[in-house]
Amino acid sequence: MVKVGLLARIVAKPGKEEEVAGFLAGALPLAQREEATAVWFAIRLGPQEFGIFDAFADDAGRRAHLEGSIAAALMARAGELLAEPPRIDQVDVLAAKLHA
């Protein structure tokens, strides 16, 4: 059961929107390799704003994700792609319905 999560908001630099969308879509295989990541969504919130929502059973899984390859890859390209630093909020999951 998922109990904790992360909600990240990402704003693309003007003209970099499709590169950010491609980067996020391309991160799916990395998320699939993370055993502690129960759910992972890359979403588009608006023309320049994107998000990532992921959830974990516990804080250890959440920490592992924050220290993992997706976060490292995003931060490595942040200066090139992002208009501002990502806003990453740690959240508690109150209820969830998961179905394959």
N, C-alpha and C. Protein backbone atom coordinates (compact mmCIF):
# COMPACT_ATOMS: atom_id res chain seq x y z
N MET A 1 0.84 -1.19 0.00
CA MET A 1 0.00 0.00 0.00
C MET A 1 0.88 1.25 0.00
N VAL A 2 0.51 2.22 -0.79
CA VAL A 2 1.28 3.46 -0.84
C VAL A 2 0.82 4.39 0.27
N LYS A 3 1.78 5.00 0.91
CA LYS A 3 1.48 5.88 2.04
C LYS A 3 2.06 7.27 1.87
N VAL A 4 3.15 7.40 1.10
CA VAL A 4 3.79 8.69 0.91
C VAL A 4 4.07 8.89 -0.57
N GLY A 5 4.25 10.16 -0.94
CA GLY A 5 4.52 10.45 -2.34
C GLY A 5 5.32 11.71 -2.53
N LEU A 6 5.51 12.02 -3.79
CA LEU A 6 6.17 13.26 -4.20
C LEU A 6 5.33 13.89 -5.29
N LEU A 7 5.18 15.19 -5.23
CA LEU A 7 4.53 15.94 -6.28
C LEU A 7 5.51 17.01 -6.73
N ALA A 8 6.01 16.86 -7.94
CA ALA A 8 6.98 17.81 -8.48
C ALA A 8 6.32 18.63 -9.58
N ARG A 9 6.54 19.92 -9.54
CA ARG A 9 6.06 20.82 -10.60
C ARG A 9 7.28 21.37 -11.32
N ILE A 10 7.20 21.31 -12.65
CA ILE A 10 8.34 21.66 -13.50
C ILE A 10 7.86 22.65 -14.55
N VAL A 11 8.55 23.78 -14.68
CA VAL A 11 8.20 24.79 -15.67
C VAL A 11 9.31 24.84 -16.72
N ALA A 12 8.91 24.60 -17.97
CA ALA A 12 9.87 24.59 -19.07
C ALA A 12 10.22 26.02 -19.50
N LYS A 13 11.45 26.20 -19.94
CA LYS A 13 11.82 27.45 -20.56
C LYS A 13 11.02 27.60 -21.86
N PRO A 14 10.72 28.84 -22.25
CA PRO A 14 10.03 29.03 -23.53
C PRO A 14 10.82 28.37 -24.66
N GLY A 15 10.13 27.61 -25.48
CA GLY A 15 10.76 26.91 -26.59
C GLY A 15 11.30 25.54 -26.22
N LYS A 16 11.30 25.20 -24.95
CA LYS A 16 11.82 23.90 -24.49
C LYS A 16 10.72 22.95 -24.04
N GLU A 17 9.47 23.32 -24.27
CA GLU A 17 8.35 22.53 -23.78
C GLU A 17 8.37 21.09 -24.29
N GLU A 18 8.58 20.91 -25.57
CA GLU A 18 8.55 19.55 -26.13
C GLU A 18 9.76 18.74 -25.70
N GLU A 19 10.89 19.41 -25.47
CA GLU A 19 12.07 18.69 -24.93
C GLU A 19 11.80 18.20 -23.52
N VAL A 20 11.14 19.03 -22.71
CA VAL A 20 10.79 18.60 -21.35
C VAL A 20 9.80 17.44 -21.42
N ALA A 21 8.80 17.54 -22.28
CA ALA A 21 7.83 16.45 -22.43
C ALA A 21 8.53 15.16 -22.84
N GLY A 22 9.45 15.25 -23.78
CA GLY A 22 10.20 14.07 -24.22
C GLY A 22 11.09 13.51 -23.13
N PHE A 23 11.72 14.40 -22.37
CA PHE A 23 12.57 13.96 -21.26
C PHE A 23 11.74 13.17 -20.25
N LEU A 24 10.58 13.72 -19.88
CA LEU A 24 9.74 13.05 -18.89
C LEU A 24 9.23 11.71 -19.40
N ALA A 25 8.77 11.67 -20.64
CA ALA A 25 8.30 10.40 -21.21
C ALA A 25 9.44 9.39 -21.26
N GLY A 26 10.63 9.85 -21.57
CA GLY A 26 11.78 8.97 -21.64
C GLY A 26 12.27 8.47 -20.30
N ALA A 27 11.80 9.07 -19.21
CA ALA A 27 12.22 8.65 -17.87
C ALA A 27 11.43 7.43 -17.38
N LEU A 28 10.38 7.04 -18.09
CA LEU A 28 9.56 5.91 -17.65
C LEU A 28 10.37 4.64 -17.42
N PRO A 29 11.27 4.22 -18.30
CA PRO A 29 12.05 3.01 -18.03
C PRO A 29 12.87 3.10 -16.74
N LEU A 30 13.35 4.29 -16.42
CA LEU A 30 14.10 4.47 -15.16
C LEU A 30 13.17 4.24 -13.96
N ALA A 31 11.97 4.80 -14.04
CA ALA A 31 11.01 4.62 -12.95
C ALA A 31 10.61 3.16 -12.81
N GLN A 32 10.48 2.47 -13.93
CA GLN A 32 10.09 1.06 -13.88
C GLN A 32 11.14 0.19 -13.20
N ARG A 33 12.38 0.62 -13.21
CA ARG A 33 13.46 -0.14 -12.56
C ARG A 33 13.54 0.10 -11.06
N GLU A 34 12.87 1.11 -10.57
CA GLU A 34 12.92 1.43 -9.14
C GLU A 34 11.92 0.56 -8.39
N GLU A 35 12.43 -0.39 -7.65
CA GLU A 35 11.56 -1.33 -6.94
C GLU A 35 10.65 -0.65 -5.92
N ALA A 36 11.11 0.39 -5.29
CA ALA A 36 10.32 1.04 -4.24
C ALA A 36 9.29 2.02 -4.80
N THR A 37 9.36 2.34 -6.09
CA THR A 37 8.40 3.26 -6.70
C THR A 37 7.17 2.47 -7.14
N ALA A 38 6.08 2.62 -6.38
CA ALA A 38 4.86 1.85 -6.66
C ALA A 38 4.10 2.43 -7.84
N VAL A 39 4.01 3.75 -7.92
CA VAL A 39 3.36 4.42 -9.04
C VAL A 39 4.18 5.63 -9.44
N TRP A 40 4.16 5.92 -10.74
CA TRP A 40 4.92 7.06 -11.27
C TRP A 40 4.16 7.61 -12.46
N PHE A 41 3.87 8.89 -12.41
CA PHE A 41 3.17 9.56 -13.50
C PHE A 41 3.94 10.80 -13.90
N ALA A 42 4.15 10.99 -15.18
CA ALA A 42 4.64 12.25 -15.74
C ALA A 42 3.42 12.89 -16.40
N ILE A 43 3.13 14.13 -16.06
CA ILE A 43 1.91 14.77 -16.54
C ILE A 43 2.20 16.16 -17.09
N ARG A 44 1.32 16.61 -17.97
CA ARG A 44 1.40 17.98 -18.48
C ARG A 44 0.25 18.75 -17.85
N LEU A 45 0.59 19.85 -17.18
CA LEU A 45 -0.40 20.65 -16.48
C LEU A 45 -0.84 21.86 -17.28
N GLY A 46 -0.05 22.25 -18.24
CA GLY A 46 -0.35 23.42 -19.07
C GLY A 46 0.68 23.53 -20.16
N PRO A 47 0.65 24.59 -20.94
CA PRO A 47 1.58 24.72 -22.07
C PRO A 47 3.06 24.60 -21.67
N GLN A 48 3.43 25.20 -20.55
CA GLN A 48 4.83 25.18 -20.11
C GLN A 48 5.03 24.42 -18.81
N GLU A 49 3.95 24.01 -18.15
CA GLU A 49 4.07 23.39 -16.83
C GLU A 49 3.80 21.89 -16.89
N PHE A 50 4.67 21.16 -16.24
CA PHE A 50 4.63 19.70 -16.19
C PHE A 50 4.68 19.27 -14.75
N GLY A 51 4.45 18.00 -14.53
CA GLY A 51 4.53 17.48 -13.18
C GLY A 51 4.92 16.02 -13.18
N ILE A 52 5.36 15.60 -12.02
CA ILE A 52 5.61 14.19 -11.76
C ILE A 52 4.95 13.89 -10.43
N PHE A 53 4.15 12.82 -10.42
CA PHE A 53 3.60 12.32 -9.16
C PHE A 53 4.02 10.88 -9.03
N ASP A 54 4.59 10.56 -7.90
CA ASP A 54 4.96 9.18 -7.62
C ASP A 54 4.65 8.87 -6.17
N ALA A 55 4.49 7.57 -5.89
CA ALA A 55 4.10 7.16 -4.54
C ALA A 55 4.87 5.92 -4.13
N PHE A 56 5.00 5.79 -2.80
CA PHE A 56 5.87 4.77 -2.20
C PHE A 56 5.21 4.22 -0.94
N ALA A 57 5.64 3.06 -0.53
CA ALA A 57 5.11 2.46 0.69
C ALA A 57 5.63 3.17 1.94
N ASP A 58 6.82 3.76 1.85
CA ASP A 58 7.43 4.35 3.03
C ASP A 58 8.44 5.44 2.65
N ASP A 59 8.93 6.11 3.69
CA ASP A 59 9.90 7.19 3.48
C ASP A 59 11.21 6.70 2.88
N ALA A 60 11.61 5.49 3.17
CA ALA A 60 12.85 4.96 2.60
C ALA A 60 12.75 4.88 1.08
N GLY A 61 11.61 4.44 0.57
CA GLY A 61 11.41 4.39 -0.87
C GLY A 61 11.39 5.77 -1.48
N ARG A 62 10.76 6.70 -0.80
CA ARG A 62 10.72 8.09 -1.29
C ARG A 62 12.12 8.68 -1.33
N ARG A 63 12.91 8.45 -0.29
CA ARG A 63 14.29 8.96 -0.27
C ARG A 63 15.12 8.33 -1.38
N ALA A 64 14.95 7.05 -1.59
CA ALA A 64 15.71 6.36 -2.64
C ALA A 64 15.39 6.97 -4.00
N HIS A 65 14.14 7.29 -4.22
CA HIS A 65 13.76 7.90 -5.50
C HIS A 65 14.39 9.29 -5.65
N LEU A 66 14.34 10.09 -4.58
CA LEU A 66 14.91 11.43 -4.63
C LEU A 66 16.42 11.39 -4.90
N GLU A 67 17.06 10.31 -4.50
CA GLU A 67 18.51 10.17 -4.71
C GLU A 67 18.82 9.35 -5.96
N GLY A 68 17.80 9.02 -6.74
CA GLY A 68 17.97 8.11 -7.88
C GLY A 68 18.28 8.79 -9.20
N SER A 69 18.21 7.98 -10.24
CA SER A 69 18.67 8.40 -11.57
C SER A 69 17.75 9.43 -12.23
N ILE A 70 16.46 9.41 -11.98
CA ILE A 70 15.57 10.39 -12.61
C ILE A 70 15.87 11.78 -12.07
N ALA A 71 15.96 11.91 -10.76
CA ALA A 71 16.26 13.20 -10.16
C ALA A 71 17.62 13.71 -10.62
N ALA A 72 18.60 12.84 -10.69
CA ALA A 72 19.93 13.24 -11.12
C ALA A 72 19.92 13.71 -12.57
N ALA A 73 19.21 13.00 -13.43
CA ALA A 73 19.14 13.38 -14.84
C ALA A 73 18.41 14.71 -15.02
N LEU A 74 17.33 14.91 -14.26
CA LEU A 74 16.59 16.16 -14.35
C LEU A 74 17.45 17.33 -13.89
N MET A 75 18.13 17.16 -12.78
CA MET A 75 18.95 18.26 -12.27
C MET A 75 20.14 18.55 -13.20
N ALA A 76 20.64 17.53 -13.87
CA ALA A 76 21.75 17.73 -14.80
C ALA A 76 21.33 18.59 -16.00
N ARG A 77 20.05 18.54 -16.35
CA ARG A 77 19.56 19.31 -17.51
C ARG A 77 18.70 20.50 -17.12
N ALA A 78 18.58 20.77 -15.82
CA ALA A 78 17.70 21.84 -15.34
C ALA A 78 18.06 23.19 -15.95
N GLY A 79 19.31 23.55 -15.97
CA GLY A 79 19.72 24.84 -16.50
C GLY A 79 19.37 25.02 -17.97
N GLU A 80 19.40 23.95 -18.69
CA GLU A 80 19.11 23.96 -20.13
C GLU A 80 17.61 23.99 -20.41
N LEU A 81 16.82 23.25 -19.62
CA LEU A 81 15.41 23.04 -19.95
C LEU A 81 14.41 23.81 -19.11
N LEU A 82 14.76 24.15 -17.87
CA LEU A 82 13.76 24.66 -16.93
C LEU A 82 13.86 26.16 -16.70
N ALA A 83 12.69 26.80 -16.59
CA ALA A 83 12.62 28.24 -16.35
C ALA A 83 12.89 28.59 -14.89
N GLU A 84 12.72 27.60 -14.01
CA GLU A 84 12.93 27.80 -12.57
C GLU A 84 13.24 26.43 -11.97
N PRO A 85 13.79 26.42 -10.76
CA PRO A 85 14.05 25.12 -10.14
C PRO A 85 12.75 24.34 -9.93
N PRO A 86 12.80 23.01 -10.04
CA PRO A 86 11.59 22.22 -9.79
C PRO A 86 11.10 22.44 -8.36
N ARG A 87 9.79 22.47 -8.21
CA ARG A 87 9.19 22.54 -6.87
C ARG A 87 8.77 21.12 -6.52
N ILE A 88 9.38 20.57 -5.49
CA ILE A 88 9.13 19.18 -5.10
C ILE A 88 8.56 19.16 -3.69
N ASP A 89 7.31 18.69 -3.60
CA ASP A 89 6.64 18.60 -2.30
C ASP A 89 6.51 17.15 -1.89
N GLN A 90 6.84 16.88 -0.64
CA GLN A 90 6.60 15.55 -0.08
C GLN A 90 5.16 15.54 0.43
N VAL A 91 4.42 14.53 0.02
CA VAL A 91 2.99 14.46 0.35
C VAL A 91 2.68 13.12 1.03
N ASP A 92 1.58 13.11 1.77
CA ASP A 92 1.05 11.89 2.36
C ASP A 92 -0.11 11.43 1.48
N VAL A 93 -0.17 10.16 1.19
CA VAL A 93 -1.28 9.60 0.42
C VAL A 93 -2.37 9.19 1.41
N LEU A 94 -3.53 9.80 1.28
CA LEU A 94 -4.64 9.53 2.19
C LEU A 94 -5.45 8.32 1.74
N ALA A 95 -5.57 8.12 0.44
CA ALA A 95 -6.31 6.98 -0.11
C ALA A 95 -5.82 6.77 -1.53
N ALA A 96 -5.88 5.54 -2.00
CA ALA A 96 -5.41 5.23 -3.34
C ALA A 96 -6.19 4.07 -3.92
N LYS A 97 -6.40 4.10 -5.23
CA LYS A 97 -6.93 2.97 -5.97
C LYS A 97 -5.93 2.68 -7.07
N LEU A 98 -5.34 1.53 -7.03
CA LEU A 98 -4.34 1.12 -8.03
C LEU A 98 -4.87 -0.10 -8.77
N HIS A 99 -4.79 -0.06 -10.07
CA HIS A 99 -5.23 -1.20 -10.87
C HIS A 99 -4.39 -1.21 -12.13
N ALA A 100 -3.90 -2.37 -12.51
CA ALA A 100 -3.06 -2.48 -13.70
C ALA A 100 -3.86 -2.33 -14.96
